[in-house]
C-alpha atoms as a PDB file:
ATOM      1  CA  MET A   1      16.444   4.092   2.037  1.00  0.00           C
ATOM      2  CA  GLY A   2      14.302   6.544   0.101  1.00  0.00           C
ATOM      3  CA  LYS A   3      10.727   7.656   0.400  1.00  0.00           C
ATOM      4  CA  VAL A   4       7.873   6.358  -1.734  1.00  0.00           C
ATOM      5  CA  ARG A   5       4.344   7.547  -2.403  1.00  0.00           C
ATOM      6  CA  ILE A   6       1.806   4.720  -2.283  1.00  0.00           C
ATOM      7  CA  THR A   7      -1.619   5.298  -3.827  1.00  0.00           C
ATOM      8  CA  GLN A   8      -4.479   2.847  -3.499  1.00  0.00           C
ATOM      9  CA  THR A   9      -5.992   2.355  -6.962  1.00  0.00           C
ATOM     10  CA  ARG A  10      -8.454  -0.466  -6.343  1.00  0.00           C
ATOM     11  CA  SER A  11     -10.958  -1.213  -3.614  1.00  0.00           C
ATOM     12  CA  ASP A  12     -10.337  -3.835  -0.936  1.00  0.00           C
ATOM     13  CA  ILE A  13     -13.924  -5.110  -1.072  1.00  0.00           C
ATOM     14  CA  LYS A  14     -14.049  -8.911  -1.445  1.00  0.00           C
ATOM     15  CA  ARG A  15     -10.315  -9.200  -0.805  1.00  0.00           C
ATOM     16  CA  PRO A  16      -8.809 -11.549   1.787  1.00  0.00           C
ATOM     17  CA  GLU A  17      -8.659 -10.206   5.334  1.00  0.00           C
ATOM     18  CA  THR A  18      -4.845 -10.233   5.286  1.00  0.00           C
ATOM     19  CA  GLN A  19      -4.767  -7.902   2.275  1.00  0.00           C
ATOM     20  CA  GLN A  20      -7.270  -5.557   3.914  1.00  0.00           C
ATOM     21  CA  ARG A  21      -5.147  -5.442   7.077  1.00  0.00           C
ATOM     22  CA  THR A  22      -2.017  -4.789   5.035  1.00  0.00           C
ATOM     23  CA  LEU A  23      -3.661  -1.789   3.356  1.00  0.00           C
ATOM     24  CA  ARG A  24      -4.704  -0.436   6.773  1.00  0.00           C
ATOM     25  CA  ALA A  25      -1.161  -0.921   8.079  1.00  0.00           C
ATOM     26  CA  LEU A  26       0.148   1.110   5.148  1.00  0.00           C
ATOM     27  CA  GLY A  27      -2.268   3.907   6.059  1.00  0.00           C
ATOM     28  CA  LEU A  28      -4.647   3.315   3.166  1.00  0.00           C
ATOM     29  CA  GLY A  29      -8.272   2.230   3.095  1.00  0.00           C
ATOM     30  CA  LYS A  30     -10.096   4.113   0.358  1.00  0.00           C
ATOM     31  CA  PRO A  31      -9.310   4.227  -3.366  1.00  0.00           C
ATOM     32  CA  HIS A  32      -7.236   7.221  -4.520  1.00  0.00           C
ATOM     33  CA  LYS A  33      -5.801   7.832  -1.045  1.00  0.00           C
ATOM     34  CA  SER A  34      -2.038   8.398  -0.975  1.00  0.00           C
ATOM     35  CA  VAL A  35       0.603   8.183   1.724  1.00  0.00           C
ATOM     36  CA  GLU A  36       4.335   8.913   1.746  1.00  0.00           C
ATOM     37  CA  VAL A  37       6.437   6.446   3.709  1.00  0.00           C
ATOM     38  CA  GLU A  38      10.075   5.553   4.159  1.00  0.00           C
ATOM     39  CA  LEU A  39      10.962   2.493   2.070  1.00  0.00           C
ATOM     40  CA  THR A  40      12.110  -0.119   4.576  1.00  0.00           C
ATOM     41  CA  PRO A  41      12.261  -3.898   4.068  1.00  0.00           C
ATOM     42  CA  GLN A  42       9.002  -4.235   6.035  1.00  0.00           C
ATOM     43  CA  ILE A  43       7.188  -1.694   3.845  1.00  0.00           C
ATOM     44  CA  ALA A  44       8.629  -3.315   0.703  1.00  0.00           C
ATOM     45  CA  GLY A  45       7.175  -6.656   1.806  1.00  0.00           C
ATOM     46  CA  MET A  46       3.748  -5.102   2.382  1.00  0.00           C
ATOM     47  CA  ILE A  47       3.893  -3.445  -1.043  1.00  0.00           C
ATOM     48  CA  THR A  48       4.622  -6.825  -2.621  1.00  0.00           C
ATOM     49  CA  LYS A  49       1.590  -8.410  -0.924  1.00  0.00           C
ATOM     50  CA  VAL A  50      -0.892  -5.821  -2.263  1.00  0.00           C
ATOM     51  CA  ASN A  51       0.842  -4.611  -5.441  1.00  0.00           C
ATOM     52  CA  HIS A  52      -2.268  -5.391  -7.520  1.00  0.00           C
ATOM     53  CA  LEU A  53      -4.263  -2.844  -5.468  1.00  0.00           C
ATOM     54  CA  ILE A  54      -1.754   0.033  -5.332  1.00  0.00           C
ATOM     55  CA  THR A  55       0.670   2.100  -7.388  1.00  0.00           C
ATOM     56  CA  VAL A  56       4.080   3.121  -6.067  1.00  0.00           C
ATOM     57  CA  GLN A  57       6.156   6.172  -6.993  1.00  0.00           C
ATOM     58  CA  GLU A  58       9.689   6.818  -5.768  1.00  0.00           C
ATOM     59  CA  LEU A  59      10.303  10.317  -4.446  1.00  0.00           C
END
């Protein structure tokens, strides 16, 4: 699996608690914050759940 850079583009205010927890689990929490993570099936599932709040770049 490769690495991806995940950047939060939208705020999690007024979002369901599960989406807020997913962002925290990815290491995000504030807009424009980025993290680089290994793309595993678990991370891919989290990306799918909050794809409207983030952007993803393959590295």
